[in-house]
Amino acid sequence: MIMMLAVSNQVEQSAQRVAQKTARPVESVLAEWLERFMASLPAESLGDDQVLALSDLHWPTERQAELNTLLEAKREGSLDDAGQTRLTGLMQEYDRDLLRKAEALREATERGLRRAPAP
């Protein structure tokens, strides 16, 4: 979808700097920022379809496999600094996504969109 959007000078300048450093179009930077913002909204503020989609969230197979590989390397003591940095980042993403999924499941249950999980 293409749309016109007015942003402050500060946002424009920040987006321009990031775009230049990452060799990406400014529009791509702004779109990424909006996506990140949307991902941080509380489940209560989302529409029913979005709540249901979030409550069904599953990590892509490739990302889950990468996490498993890094965890195995850590257990074996063969994880280098770069691997540890990547593992830390993936674990943070995993924790965030799991929490978001749980919040969405609670919201879907409260709205009557899903049945409450069995105890």
PDB file of N, CA and C in Angstrom:
ATOM      1  N   MET A   1       0.835  -1.172   0.000  1.00  0.00           N
ATOM      2  CA  MET A   1       0.000   0.000   0.000  1.00  0.00           C
ATOM      3  C   MET A   1       0.886   1.242   0.000  1.00  0.00           C
ATOM      4  N   ILE A   2       0.520   2.197  -0.769  1.00  0.00           N
ATOM      5  CA  ILE A   2       1.268   3.449  -0.844  1.00  0.00           C
ATOM      6  C   ILE A   2       0.391   4.538  -0.248  1.00  0.00           C
ATOM      7  N   MET A   3       0.999   5.382   0.612  1.00  0.00           N
ATOM      8  CA  MET A   3       0.247   6.480   1.207  1.00  0.00           C
ATOM      9  C   MET A   3       1.166   7.660   1.471  1.00  0.00           C
ATOM     10  N   MET A   4       0.574   8.829   1.558  1.00  0.00           N
ATOM     11  CA  MET A   4       1.312  10.040   1.905  1.00  0.00           C
ATOM     12  C   MET A   4       1.261  10.171   3.422  1.00  0.00           C
ATOM     13  N   LEU A   5       2.373  10.603   3.990  1.00  0.00           N
ATOM     14  CA  LEU A   5       2.454  10.734   5.436  1.00  0.00           C
ATOM     15  C   LEU A   5       3.294  11.949   5.775  1.00  0.00           C
ATOM     16  N   ALA A   6       2.775  12.824   6.614  1.00  0.00           N
ATOM     17  CA  ALA A   6       3.533  13.996   7.055  1.00  0.00           C
ATOM     18  C   ALA A   6       4.238  13.636   8.365  1.00  0.00           C
ATOM     19  N   VAL A   7       5.542  13.862   8.423  1.00  0.00           N
ATOM     20  CA  VAL A   7       6.323  13.589   9.629  1.00  0.00           C
ATOM     21  C   VAL A   7       7.079  14.850  10.029  1.00  0.00           C
ATOM     22  N   SER A   8       7.482  14.902  11.268  1.00  0.00           N
ATOM     23  CA  SER A   8       8.235  16.060  11.750  1.00  0.00           C
ATOM     24  C   SER A   8       9.616  16.096  11.099  1.00  0.00           C
ATOM     25  N   ASN A   9      10.252  17.257  11.169  1.00  0.00           N
ATOM     26  CA  ASN A   9      11.612  17.393  10.641  1.00  0.00           C
ATOM     27  C   ASN A   9      12.565  16.438  11.346  1.00  0.00           C
ATOM     28  N   GLN A  10      12.376  16.260  12.646  1.00  0.00           N
ATOM     29  CA  GLN A  10      13.251  15.368  13.412  1.00  0.00           C
ATOM     30  C   GLN A  10      13.133  13.928  12.913  1.00  0.00           C
ATOM     31  N   VAL A  11      11.916  13.471  12.686  1.00  0.00           N
ATOM     32  CA  VAL A  11      11.706  12.112  12.179  1.00  0.00           C
ATOM     33  C   VAL A  11      12.298  11.977  10.783  1.00  0.00           C
ATOM     34  N   GLU A  12      12.067  12.978   9.954  1.00  0.00           N
ATOM     35  CA  GLU A  12      12.605  12.947   8.594  1.00  0.00           C
ATOM     36  C   GLU A  12      14.132  12.865   8.602  1.00  0.00           C
ATOM     37  N   GLN A  13      14.770  13.698   9.419  1.00  0.00           N
ATOM     38  CA  GLN A  13      16.234  13.711   9.470  1.00  0.00           C
ATOM     39  C   GLN A  13      16.774  12.385  10.007  1.00  0.00           C
ATOM     40  N   SER A  14      16.134  11.851  11.029  1.00  0.00           N
ATOM     41  CA  SER A  14      16.571  10.559  11.578  1.00  0.00           C
ATOM     42  C   SER A  14      16.434   9.453  10.539  1.00  0.00           C
ATOM     43  N   ALA A  15      15.315   9.453   9.844  1.00  0.00           N
ATOM     44  CA  ALA A  15      15.085   8.436   8.810  1.00  0.00           C
ATOM     45  C   ALA A  15      16.093   8.584   7.674  1.00  0.00           C
ATOM     46  N   GLN A  16      16.398   9.805   7.305  1.00  0.00           N
ATOM     47  CA  GLN A  16      17.386  10.042   6.252  1.00  0.00           C
ATOM     48  C   GLN A  16      18.753   9.494   6.662  1.00  0.00           C
ATOM     49  N   ARG A  17      19.155   9.743   7.923  1.00  0.00           N
ATOM     50  CA  ARG A  17      20.453   9.244   8.398  1.00  0.00           C
ATOM     51  C   ARG A  17      20.501   7.716   8.371  1.00  0.00           C
ATOM     52  N   VAL A  18      19.449   7.081   8.855  1.00  0.00           N
ATOM     53  CA  VAL A  18      19.416   5.613   8.869  1.00  0.00           C
ATOM     54  C   VAL A  18      19.421   5.083   7.443  1.00  0.00           C
ATOM     55  N   ALA A  19      18.642   5.701   6.587  1.00  0.00           N
ATOM     56  CA  ALA A  19      18.580   5.256   5.189  1.00  0.00           C
ATOM     57  C   ALA A  19      19.941   5.357   4.528  1.00  0.00           C
ATOM     58  N   GLN A  20      20.626   6.438   4.789  1.00  0.00           N
ATOM     59  CA  GLN A  20      21.948   6.629   4.191  1.00  0.00           C
ATOM     60  C   GLN A  20      22.939   5.594   4.718  1.00  0.00           C
ATOM     61  N   LYS A  21      22.925   5.356   6.028  1.00  0.00           N
ATOM     62  CA  LYS A  21      23.855   4.396   6.629  1.00  0.00           C
ATOM     63  C   LYS A  21      23.582   2.966   6.185  1.00  0.00           C
ATOM     64  N   THR A  22      22.318   2.658   5.910  1.00  0.00           N
ATOM     65  CA  THR A  22      21.956   1.286   5.557  1.00  0.00           C
ATOM     66  C   THR A  22      21.715   1.093   4.069  1.00  0.00           C
ATOM     67  N   ALA A  23      21.930   2.169   3.283  1.00  0.00           N
ATOM     68  CA  ALA A  23      21.744   2.117   1.829  1.00  0.00           C
ATOM     69  C   ALA A  23      20.345   1.612   1.462  1.00  0.00           C
ATOM     70  N   ARG A  24      19.360   2.164   2.147  1.00  0.00           N
ATOM     71  CA  ARG A  24      17.961   1.804   1.893  1.00  0.00           C
ATOM     72  C   ARG A  24      17.163   3.059   1.595  1.00  0.00           C
ATOM     73  N   PRO A  25      16.037   2.922   0.929  1.00  0.00           N
ATOM     74  CA  PRO A  25      15.169   4.079   0.721  1.00  0.00           C
ATOM     75  C   PRO A  25      14.573   4.548   2.054  1.00  0.00           C
ATOM     76  N   VAL A  26      14.357   5.843   2.168  1.00  0.00           N
ATOM     77  CA  VAL A  26      13.761   6.404   3.384  1.00  0.00           C
ATOM     78  C   VAL A  26      12.409   5.757   3.660  1.00  0.00           C
ATOM     79  N   GLU A  27      11.646   5.501   2.602  1.00  0.00           N
ATOM     80  CA  GLU A  27      10.331   4.885   2.766  1.00  0.00           C
ATOM     81  C   GLU A  27      10.434   3.523   3.437  1.00  0.00           C
ATOM     82  N   SER A  28      11.470   2.776   3.109  1.00  0.00           N
ATOM     83  CA  SER A  28      11.689   1.468   3.710  1.00  0.00           C
ATOM     84  C   SER A  28      11.995   1.599   5.199  1.00  0.00           C
ATOM     85  N   VAL A  29      12.793   2.590   5.561  1.00  0.00           N
ATOM     86  CA  VAL A  29      13.126   2.830   6.965  1.00  0.00           C
ATOM     87  C   VAL A  29      11.868   3.189   7.745  1.00  0.00           C
ATOM     88  N   LEU A  30      11.088   4.122   7.209  1.00  0.00           N
ATOM     89  CA  LEU A  30       9.860   4.542   7.892  1.00  0.00           C
ATOM     90  C   LEU A  30       8.863   3.388   8.017  1.00  0.00           C
ATOM     91  N   ALA A  31       8.752   2.576   6.972  1.00  0.00           N
ATOM     92  CA  ALA A  31       7.850   1.422   7.022  1.00  0.00           C
ATOM     93  C   ALA A  31       8.292   0.443   8.115  1.00  0.00           C
ATOM     94  N   GLU A  32       9.603   0.230   8.219  1.00  0.00           N
ATOM     95  CA  GLU A  32      10.113  -0.659   9.264  1.00  0.00           C
ATOM     96  C   GLU A  32       9.799  -0.105  10.649  1.00  0.00           C
ATOM     97  N   TRP A  33       9.986   1.198  10.815  1.00  0.00           N
ATOM     98  CA  TRP A  33       9.681   1.817  12.111  1.00  0.00           C
ATOM     99  C   TRP A  33       8.202   1.656  12.464  1.00  0.00           C
ATOM    100  N   LEU A  34       7.336   1.831  11.478  1.00  0.00           N
ATOM    101  CA  LEU A  34       5.897   1.660  11.730  1.00  0.00           C
ATOM    102  C   LEU A  34       5.570   0.218  12.098  1.00  0.00           C
ATOM    103  N   GLU A  35       6.201  -0.726  11.410  1.00  0.00           N
ATOM    104  CA  GLU A  35       5.981  -2.147  11.731  1.00  0.00           C
ATOM    105  C   GLU A  35       6.412  -2.454  13.167  1.00  0.00           C
ATOM    106  N   ARG A  36       7.565  -1.925  13.558  1.00  0.00           N
ATOM    107  CA  ARG A  36       8.039  -2.135  14.932  1.00  0.00           C
ATOM    108  C   ARG A  36       7.072  -1.541  15.942  1.00  0.00           C
ATOM    109  N   PHE A  37       6.573  -0.352  15.633  1.00  0.00           N
ATOM    110  CA  PHE A  37       5.617   0.291  16.526  1.00  0.00           C
ATOM    111  C   PHE A  37       4.360  -0.562  16.659  1.00  0.00           C
ATOM    112  N   MET A  38       3.842  -1.032  15.537  1.00  0.00           N
ATOM    113  CA  MET A  38       2.638  -1.872  15.557  1.00  0.00           C
ATOM    114  C   MET A  38       2.860  -3.140  16.371  1.00  0.00           C
ATOM    115  N   ALA A  39       4.051  -3.689  16.284  1.00  0.00           N
ATOM    116  CA  ALA A  39       4.360  -4.913  17.034  1.00  0.00           C
ATOM    117  C   ALA A  39       4.395  -4.661  18.530  1.00  0.00           C
ATOM    118  N   SER A  40       4.526  -3.409  18.930  1.00  0.00           N
ATOM    119  CA  SER A  40       4.598  -3.109  20.355  1.00  0.00           C
ATOM    120  C   SER A  40       3.260  -2.695  20.946  1.00  0.00           C
ATOM    121  N   LEU A  41       2.220  -2.567  20.108  1.00  0.00           N
ATOM    122  CA  LEU A  41       0.909  -2.173  20.626  1.00  0.00           C
ATOM    123  C   LEU A  41       0.326  -3.276  21.507  1.00  0.00           C
ATOM    124  N   PRO A  42      -0.360  -2.898  22.570  1.00  0.00           N
ATOM    125  CA  PRO A  42      -0.988  -3.928  23.413  1.00  0.00           C
ATOM    126  C   PRO A  42      -2.073  -4.676  22.641  1.00  0.00           C
ATOM    127  N   ALA A  43      -2.244  -5.937  22.957  1.00  0.00           N
ATOM    128  CA  ALA A  43      -3.222  -6.770  22.256  1.00  0.00           C
ATOM    129  C   ALA A  43      -4.625  -6.190  22.365  1.00  0.00           C
ATOM    130  N   GLU A  44      -4.906  -5.493  23.466  1.00  0.00           N
ATOM    131  CA  GLU A  44      -6.236  -4.911  23.661  1.00  0.00           C
ATOM    132  C   GLU A  44      -6.579  -3.884  22.591  1.00  0.00           C
ATOM    133  N   SER A  45      -5.562  -3.275  21.980  1.00  0.00           N
ATOM    134  CA  SER A  45      -5.810  -2.228  20.989  1.00  0.00           C
ATOM    135  C   SER A  45      -5.909  -2.774  19.562  1.00  0.00           C
ATOM    136  N   LEU A  46      -5.755  -4.066  19.386  1.00  0.00           N
ATOM    137  CA  LEU A  46      -5.787  -4.681  18.063  1.00  0.00           C
ATOM    138  C   LEU A  46      -7.192  -5.145  17.705  1.00  0.00           C
ATOM    139  N   GLY A  47      -7.437  -5.260  16.419  1.00  0.00           N
ATOM    140  CA  GLY A  47      -8.708  -5.799  15.950  1.00  0.00           C
ATOM    141  C   GLY A  47      -8.757  -7.309  16.151  1.00  0.00           C
ATOM    142  N   ASP A  48      -9.948  -7.871  16.034  1.00  0.00           N
ATOM    143  CA  ASP A  48     -10.138  -9.307  16.255  1.00  0.00           C
ATOM    144  C   ASP A  48      -9.223 -10.158  15.376  1.00  0.00           C
ATOM    145  N   ASP A  49      -9.141  -9.832  14.082  1.00  0.00           N
ATOM    146  CA  ASP A  49      -8.307 -10.609  13.163  1.00  0.00           C
ATOM    147  C   ASP A  49      -6.840 -10.564  13.575  1.00  0.00           C
ATOM    148  N   GLN A  50      -6.387  -9.384  13.996  1.00  0.00           N
ATOM    149  CA  GLN A  50      -4.996  -9.243  14.428  1.00  0.00           C
ATOM    150  C   GLN A  50      -4.742 -10.012  15.719  1.00  0.00           C
ATOM    151  N   VAL A  51      -5.698  -9.982  16.640  1.00  0.00           N
ATOM    152  CA  VAL A  51      -5.550 -10.722  17.902  1.00  0.00           C
ATOM    153  C   VAL A  51      -5.476 -12.219  17.619  1.00  0.00           C
ATOM    154  N   LEU A  52      -6.344 -12.703  16.760  1.00  0.00           N
ATOM    155  CA  LEU A  52      -6.330 -14.130  16.422  1.00  0.00           C
ATOM    156  C   LEU A  52      -5.024 -14.527  15.739  1.00  0.00           C
ATOM    157  N   ALA A  53      -4.569 -13.706  14.808  1.00  0.00           N
ATOM    158  CA  ALA A  53      -3.311 -14.006  14.115  1.00  0.00           C
ATOM    159  C   ALA A  53      -2.155 -14.029  15.107  1.00  0.00           C
ATOM    160  N   LEU A  54      -2.124 -13.085  16.009  1.00  0.00           N
ATOM    161  CA  LEU A  54      -1.049 -13.028  16.990  1.00  0.00           C
ATOM    162  C   LEU A  54      -1.125 -14.190  17.971  1.00  0.00           C
ATOM    163  N   SER A  55      -2.323 -14.619  18.310  1.00  0.00           N
ATOM    164  CA  SER A  55      -2.460 -15.752  19.240  1.00  0.00           C
ATOM    165  C   SER A  55      -2.042 -17.071  18.593  1.00  0.00           C
ATOM    166  N   ASP A  56      -1.950 -17.088  17.259  1.00  0.00           N
ATOM    167  CA  ASP A  56      -1.491 -18.277  16.527  1.00  0.00           C
ATOM    168  C   ASP A  56      -0.035 -18.158  16.095  1.00  0.00           C
ATOM    169  N   LEU A  57       0.654 -17.161  16.600  1.00  0.00           N
ATOM    170  CA  LEU A  57       2.024 -16.876  16.172  1.00  0.00           C
ATOM    171  C   LEU A  57       2.937 -18.100  16.325  1.00  0.00           C
ATOM    172  N   HIS A  58       3.662 -18.391  15.259  1.00  0.00           N
ATOM    173  CA  HIS A  58       4.691 -19.431  15.261  1.00  0.00           C
ATOM    174  C   HIS A  58       5.923 -18.862  14.578  1.00  0.00           C
ATOM    175  N   TRP A  59       7.058 -19.165  15.133  1.00  0.00           N
ATOM    176  CA  TRP A  59       8.299 -18.709  14.508  1.00  0.00           C
ATOM    177  C   TRP A  59       8.529 -19.462  13.212  1.00  0.00           C
ATOM    178  N   PRO A  60       9.115 -18.783  12.212  1.00  0.00           N
ATOM    179  CA  PRO A  60       9.461 -19.491  10.977  1.00  0.00           C
ATOM    180  C   PRO A  60      10.428 -20.642  11.278  1.00  0.00           C
ATOM    181  N   THR A  61      10.312 -21.695  10.526  1.00  0.00           N
ATOM    182  CA  THR A  61      11.133 -22.887  10.732  1.00  0.00           C
ATOM    183  C   THR A  61      12.622 -22.556  10.725  1.00  0.00           C
ATOM    184  N   GLU A  62      13.028 -21.678   9.812  1.00  0.00           N
ATOM    185  CA  GLU A  62      14.455 -21.334   9.707  1.00  0.00           C
ATOM    186  C   GLU A  62      14.960 -20.646  10.973  1.00  0.00           C
ATOM    187  N   ARG A  63      14.150 -19.740  11.515  1.00  0.00           N
ATOM    188  CA  ARG A  63      14.558 -19.007  12.723  1.00  0.00           C
ATOM    189  C   ARG A  63      14.613 -19.957  13.922  1.00  0.00           C
ATOM    190  N   GLN A  64      13.634 -20.842  14.023  1.00  0.00           N
ATOM    191  CA  GLN A  64      13.624 -21.810  15.122  1.00  0.00           C
ATOM    192  C   GLN A  64      14.822 -22.746  15.018  1.00  0.00           C
ATOM    193  N   ALA A  65      15.145 -23.162  13.796  1.00  0.00           N
ATOM    194  CA  ALA A  65      16.307 -24.035  13.591  1.00  0.00           C
ATOM    195  C   ALA A  65      17.598 -23.319  13.975  1.00  0.00           C
ATOM    196  N   GLU A  66      17.712 -22.033  13.619  1.00  0.00           N
ATOM    197  CA  GLU A  66      18.905 -21.261  13.989  1.00  0.00           C
ATOM    198  C   GLU A  66      19.030 -21.162  15.503  1.00  0.00           C
ATOM    199  N   LEU A  67      17.914 -20.900  16.181  1.00  0.00           N
ATOM    200  CA  LEU A  67      17.926 -20.837  17.644  1.00  0.00           C
ATOM    201  C   LEU A  67      18.355 -22.174  18.231  1.00  0.00           C
ATOM    202  N   ASN A  68      17.817 -23.258  17.733  1.00  0.00           N
ATOM    203  CA  ASN A  68      18.178 -24.589  18.238  1.00  0.00           C
ATOM    204  C   ASN A  68      19.660 -24.888  18.024  1.00  0.00           C
ATOM    205  N   THR A  69      20.180 -24.518  16.861  1.00  0.00           N
ATOM    206  CA  THR A  69      21.598 -24.741  16.560  1.00  0.00           C
ATOM    207  C   THR A  69      22.483 -23.963  17.522  1.00  0.00           C
ATOM    208  N   LEU A  70      22.131 -22.693  17.756  1.00  0.00           N
ATOM    209  CA  LEU A  70      22.921 -21.870  18.673  1.00  0.00           C
ATOM    210  C   LEU A  70      22.837 -22.388  20.111  1.00  0.00           C
ATOM    211  N   LEU A  71      21.664 -22.830  20.520  1.00  0.00           N
ATOM    212  CA  LEU A  71      21.519 -23.385  21.879  1.00  0.00           C
ATOM    213  C   LEU A  71      22.349 -24.658  22.039  1.00  0.00           C
ATOM    214  N   GLU A  72      22.363 -25.485  21.003  1.00  0.00           N
ATOM    215  CA  GLU A  72      23.168 -26.706  21.042  1.00  0.00           C
ATOM    216  C   GLU A  72      24.659 -26.368  21.129  1.00  0.00           C
ATOM    217  N   ALA A  73      25.097 -25.399  20.347  1.00  0.00           N
ATOM    218  CA  ALA A  73      26.501 -24.974  20.385  1.00  0.00           C
ATOM    219  C   ALA A  73      26.859 -24.422  21.763  1.00  0.00           C
ATOM    220  N   LYS A  74      25.948 -23.727  22.379  1.00  0.00           N
ATOM    221  CA  LYS A  74      26.193 -23.194  23.729  1.00  0.00           C
ATOM    222  C   LYS A  74      26.344 -24.336  24.727  1.00  0.00           C
ATOM    223  N   ARG A  75      25.448 -25.325  24.635  1.00  0.00           N
ATOM    224  CA  ARG A  75      25.528 -26.488  25.536  1.00  0.00           C
ATOM    225  C   ARG A  75      26.850 -27.228  25.363  1.00  0.00           C
ATOM    226  N   GLU A  76      27.331 -27.297  24.126  1.00  0.00           N
ATOM    227  CA  GLU A  76      28.576 -28.004  23.838  1.00  0.00           C
ATOM    228  C   GLU A  76      29.811 -27.157  24.130  1.00  0.00           C
ATOM    229  N   GLY A  77      29.611 -25.868  24.441  1.00  0.00           N
ATOM    230  CA  GLY A  77      30.730 -24.986  24.729  1.00  0.00           C
ATOM    231  C   GLY A  77      31.474 -24.514  23.491  1.00  0.00           C
ATOM    232  N   SER A  78      30.828 -24.588  22.332  1.00  0.00           N
ATOM    233  CA  SER A  78      31.504 -24.208  21.088  1.00  0.00           C
ATOM    234  C   SER A  78      30.945 -22.926  20.477  1.00  0.00           C
ATOM    235  N   LEU A  79      30.266 -22.135  21.278  1.00  0.00           N
ATOM    236  CA  LEU A  79      29.656 -20.909  20.772  1.00  0.00           C
ATOM    237  C   LEU A  79      30.640 -19.752  20.887  1.00  0.00           C
ATOM    238  N   ASP A  80      30.952 -19.105  19.744  1.00  0.00           N
ATOM    239  CA  ASP A  80      31.872 -17.965  19.762  1.00  0.00           C
ATOM    240  C   ASP A  80      31.123 -16.686  20.152  1.00  0.00           C
ATOM    241  N   ASP A  81      31.839 -15.570  20.212  1.00  0.00           N
ATOM    242  CA  ASP A  81      31.241 -14.303  20.628  1.00  0.00           C
ATOM    243  C   ASP A  81      30.119 -13.863  19.699  1.00  0.00           C
ATOM    244  N   ALA A  82      30.332 -14.003  18.401  1.00  0.00           N
ATOM    245  CA  ALA A  82      29.300 -13.620  17.439  1.00  0.00           C
ATOM    246  C   ALA A  82      28.059 -14.497  17.609  1.00  0.00           C
ATOM    247  N   GLY A  83      28.283 -15.772  17.837  1.00  0.00           N
ATOM    248  CA  GLY A  83      27.174 -16.695  18.062  1.00  0.00           C
ATOM    249  C   GLY A  83      26.423 -16.356  19.334  1.00  0.00           C
ATOM    250  N   GLN A  84      27.160 -15.987  20.373  1.00  0.00           N
ATOM    251  CA  GLN A  84      26.523 -15.617  21.640  1.00  0.00           C
ATOM    252  C   GLN A  84      25.682 -14.356  21.476  1.00  0.00           C
ATOM    253  N   THR A  85      26.206 -13.398  20.717  1.00  0.00           N
ATOM    254  CA  THR A  85      25.455 -12.167  20.461  1.00  0.00           C
ATOM    255  C   THR A  85      24.166 -12.481  19.715  1.00  0.00           C
ATOM    256  N   ARG A  86      24.281 -13.327  18.702  1.00  0.00           N
ATOM    257  CA  ARG A  86      23.095 -13.712  17.924  1.00  0.00           C
ATOM    258  C   ARG A  86      22.115 -14.485  18.793  1.00  0.00           C
ATOM    259  N   LEU A  87      22.610 -15.398  19.630  1.00  0.00           N
ATOM    260  CA  LEU A  87      21.749 -16.165  20.520  1.00  0.00           C
ATOM    261  C   LEU A  87      21.010 -15.246  21.484  1.00  0.00           C
ATOM    262  N   THR A  88      21.701 -14.288  22.043  1.00  0.00           N
ATOM    263  CA  THR A  88      21.072 -13.347  22.963  1.00  0.00           C
ATOM    264  C   THR A  88      19.952 -12.588  22.265  1.00  0.00           C
ATOM    265  N   GLY A  89      20.221 -12.130  21.049  1.00  0.00           N
ATOM    266  CA  GLY A  89      19.203 -11.416  20.281  1.00  0.00           C
ATOM    267  C   GLY A  89      17.996 -12.284  19.968  1.00  0.00           C
ATOM    268  N   LEU A  90      18.253 -13.519  19.545  1.00  0.00           N
ATOM    269  CA  LEU A  90      17.146 -14.429  19.242  1.00  0.00           C
ATOM    270  C   LEU A  90      16.334 -14.765  20.482  1.00  0.00           C
ATOM    271  N   MET A  91      17.011 -14.949  21.606  1.00  0.00           N
ATOM    272  CA  MET A  91      16.296 -15.256  22.850  1.00  0.00           C
ATOM    273  C   MET A  91      15.416 -14.080  23.269  1.00  0.00           C
ATOM    274  N   GLN A  92      15.890 -12.868  23.076  1.00  0.00           N
ATOM    275  CA  GLN A  92      15.078 -11.695  23.384  1.00  0.00           C
ATOM    276  C   GLN A  92      13.851 -11.636  22.480  1.00  0.00           C
ATOM    277  N   GLU A  93      14.052 -11.913  21.194  1.00  0.00           N
ATOM    278  CA  GLU A  93      12.924 -11.944  20.252  1.00  0.00           C
ATOM    279  C   GLU A  93      11.938 -13.042  20.639  1.00  0.00           C
ATOM    280  N   TYR A  94      12.470 -14.204  20.994  1.00  0.00           N
ATOM    281  CA  TYR A  94      11.620 -15.339  21.368  1.00  0.00           C
ATOM    282  C   TYR A  94      10.780 -15.001  22.593  1.00  0.00           C
ATOM    283  N   ASP A  95      11.432 -14.432  23.614  1.00  0.00           N
ATOM    284  CA  ASP A  95      10.711 -14.059  24.828  1.00  0.00           C
ATOM    285  C   ASP A  95       9.625 -13.029  24.530  1.00  0.00           C
ATOM    286  N   ARG A  96       9.973 -12.018  23.721  1.00  0.00           N
ATOM    287  CA  ARG A  96       9.005 -10.975  23.364  1.00  0.00           C
ATOM    288  C   ARG A  96       7.823 -11.580  22.611  1.00  0.00           C
ATOM    289  N   ASP A  97       8.112 -12.439  21.636  1.00  0.00           N
ATOM    290  CA  ASP A  97       7.049 -13.037  20.834  1.00  0.00           C
ATOM    291  C   ASP A  97       6.170 -13.962  21.666  1.00  0.00           C
ATOM    292  N   LEU A  98       6.766 -14.703  22.576  1.00  0.00           N
ATOM    293  CA  LEU A  98       5.992 -15.603  23.432  1.00  0.00           C
ATOM    294  C   LEU A  98       5.062 -14.805  24.346  1.00  0.00           C
ATOM    295  N   LEU A  99       5.561 -13.712  24.891  1.00  0.00           N
ATOM    296  CA  LEU A  99       4.734 -12.854  25.734  1.00  0.00           C
ATOM    297  C   LEU A  99       3.595 -12.248  24.918  1.00  0.00           C
ATOM    298  N   ARG A 100       3.902 -11.749  23.715  1.00  0.00           N
ATOM    299  CA  ARG A 100       2.861 -11.179  22.851  1.00  0.00           C
ATOM    300  C   ARG A 100       1.801 -12.225  22.498  1.00  0.00           C
ATOM    301  N   LYS A 101       2.247 -13.442  22.235  1.00  0.00           N
ATOM    302  CA  LYS A 101       1.302 -14.513  21.912  1.00  0.00           C
ATOM    303  C   LYS A 101       0.386 -14.794  23.100  1.00  0.00           C
ATOM    304  N   ALA A 102       0.965 -14.841  24.288  1.00  0.00           N
ATOM    305  CA  ALA A 102       0.167 -15.097  25.497  1.00  0.00           C
ATOM    306  C   ALA A 102      -0.835 -13.969  25.740  1.00  0.00           C
ATOM    307  N   GLU A 103      -0.405 -12.731  25.560  1.00  0.00           N
ATOM    308  CA  GLU A 103      -1.312 -11.592  25.722  1.00  0.00           C
ATOM    309  C   GLU A 103      -2.452 -11.661  24.723  1.00  0.00           C
ATOM    310  N   ALA A 104      -2.123 -12.005  23.482  1.00  0.00           N
ATOM    311  CA  ALA A 104      -3.150 -12.105  22.440  1.00  0.00           C
ATOM    312  C   ALA A 104      -4.108 -13.256  22.729  1.00  0.00           C
ATOM    313  N   LEU A 105      -3.600 -14.357  23.230  1.00  0.00           N
ATOM    314  CA  LEU A 105      -4.457 -15.489  23.577  1.00  0.00           C
ATOM    315  C   LEU A 105      -5.413 -15.105  24.701  1.00  0.00           C
ATOM    316  N   ARG A 106      -4.896 -14.381  25.692  1.00  0.00           N
ATOM    317  CA  ARG A 106      -5.761 -13.906  26.785  1.00  0.00           C
ATOM    318  C   ARG A 106      -6.841 -12.985  26.236  1.00  0.00           C
ATOM    319  N   GLU A 107      -6.437 -12.060  25.374  1.00  0.00           N
ATOM    320  CA  GLU A 107      -7.393 -11.108  24.793  1.00  0.00           C
ATOM    321  C   GLU A 107      -8.425 -11.832  23.932  1.00  0.00           C
ATOM    322  N   ALA A 108      -7.993 -12.790  23.138  1.00  0.00           N
ATOM    323  CA  ALA A 108      -8.916 -13.554  22.293  1.00  0.00           C
ATOM    324  C   ALA A 108      -9.914 -14.321  23.155  1.00  0.00           C
ATOM    325  N   THR A 109      -9.458 -14.849  24.268  1.00  0.00           N
ATOM    326  CA  THR A 109     -10.337 -15.570  25.183  1.00  0.00           C
ATOM    327  C   THR A 109     -11.349 -14.623  25.811  1.00  0.00           C
ATOM    328  N   GLU A 110     -10.860 -13.455  26.256  1.00  0.00           N
ATOM    329  CA  GLU A 110     -11.763 -12.466  26.867  1.00  0.00           C
ATOM    330  C   GLU A 110     -12.820 -11.975  25.883  1.00  0.00           C
ATOM    331  N   ARG A 111     -12.461 -11.881  24.610  1.00  0.00           N
ATOM    332  CA  ARG A 111     -13.414 -11.418  23.583  1.00  0.00           C
ATOM    333  C   ARG A 111     -14.321 -12.540  23.101  1.00  0.00           C
ATOM    334  N   GLY A 112     -14.088 -13.759  23.556  1.00  0.00           N
ATOM    335  CA  GLY A 112     -14.899 -14.888  23.115  1.00  0.00           C
ATOM    336  C   GLY A 112     -14.494 -15.405  21.744  1.00  0.00           C
ATOM    337  N   LEU A 113     -13.320 -15.044  21.285  1.00  0.00           N
ATOM    338  CA  LEU A 113     -12.827 -15.495  19.979  1.00  0.00           C
ATOM    339  C   LEU A 113     -12.191 -16.876  20.056  1.00  0.00           C
ATOM    340  N   ARG A 114     -11.735 -17.244  21.229  1.00  0.00           N
ATOM    341  CA  ARG A 114     -11.083 -18.537  21.488  1.00  0.00           C
ATOM    342  C   ARG A 114     -11.613 -19.074  22.804  1.00  0.00           C
ATOM    343  N   ARG A 115     -11.598 -20.353  22.929  1.00  0.00           N
ATOM    344  CA  ARG A 115     -11.937 -20.972  24.220  1.00  0.00           C
ATOM    345  C   ARG A 115     -10.724 -20.889  25.141  1.00  0.00           C
ATOM    346  N   ALA A 116     -11.012 -20.793  26.405  1.00  0.00           N
ATOM    347  CA  ALA A 116      -9.910 -20.763  27.397  1.00  0.00           C
ATOM    348  C   ALA A 116      -9.181 -22.095  27.350  1.00  0.00           C
ATOM    349  N   PRO A 117      -7.833 -22.048  27.407  1.00  0.00           N
ATOM    350  CA  PRO A 117      -7.084 -23.309  27.418  1.00  0.00           C
ATOM    351  C   PRO A 117      -7.402 -24.122  28.666  1.00  0.00           C
ATOM    352  N   ALA A 118      -7.355 -25.423  28.526  1.00  0.00           N
ATOM    353  CA  ALA A 118      -7.615 -26.308  29.671  1.00  0.00           C
ATOM    354  C   ALA A 118      -6.500 -26.141  30.692  1.00  0.00           C
ATOM    355  N   PRO A 119      -6.860 -26.180  31.977  1.00  0.00           N
ATOM    356  CA  PRO A 119      -5.825 -26.017  33.026  1.00  0.00           C
ATOM    357  C   PRO A 119      -4.861 -27.173  33.078  1.00  0.00           C
TER     358      PRO A 119
END
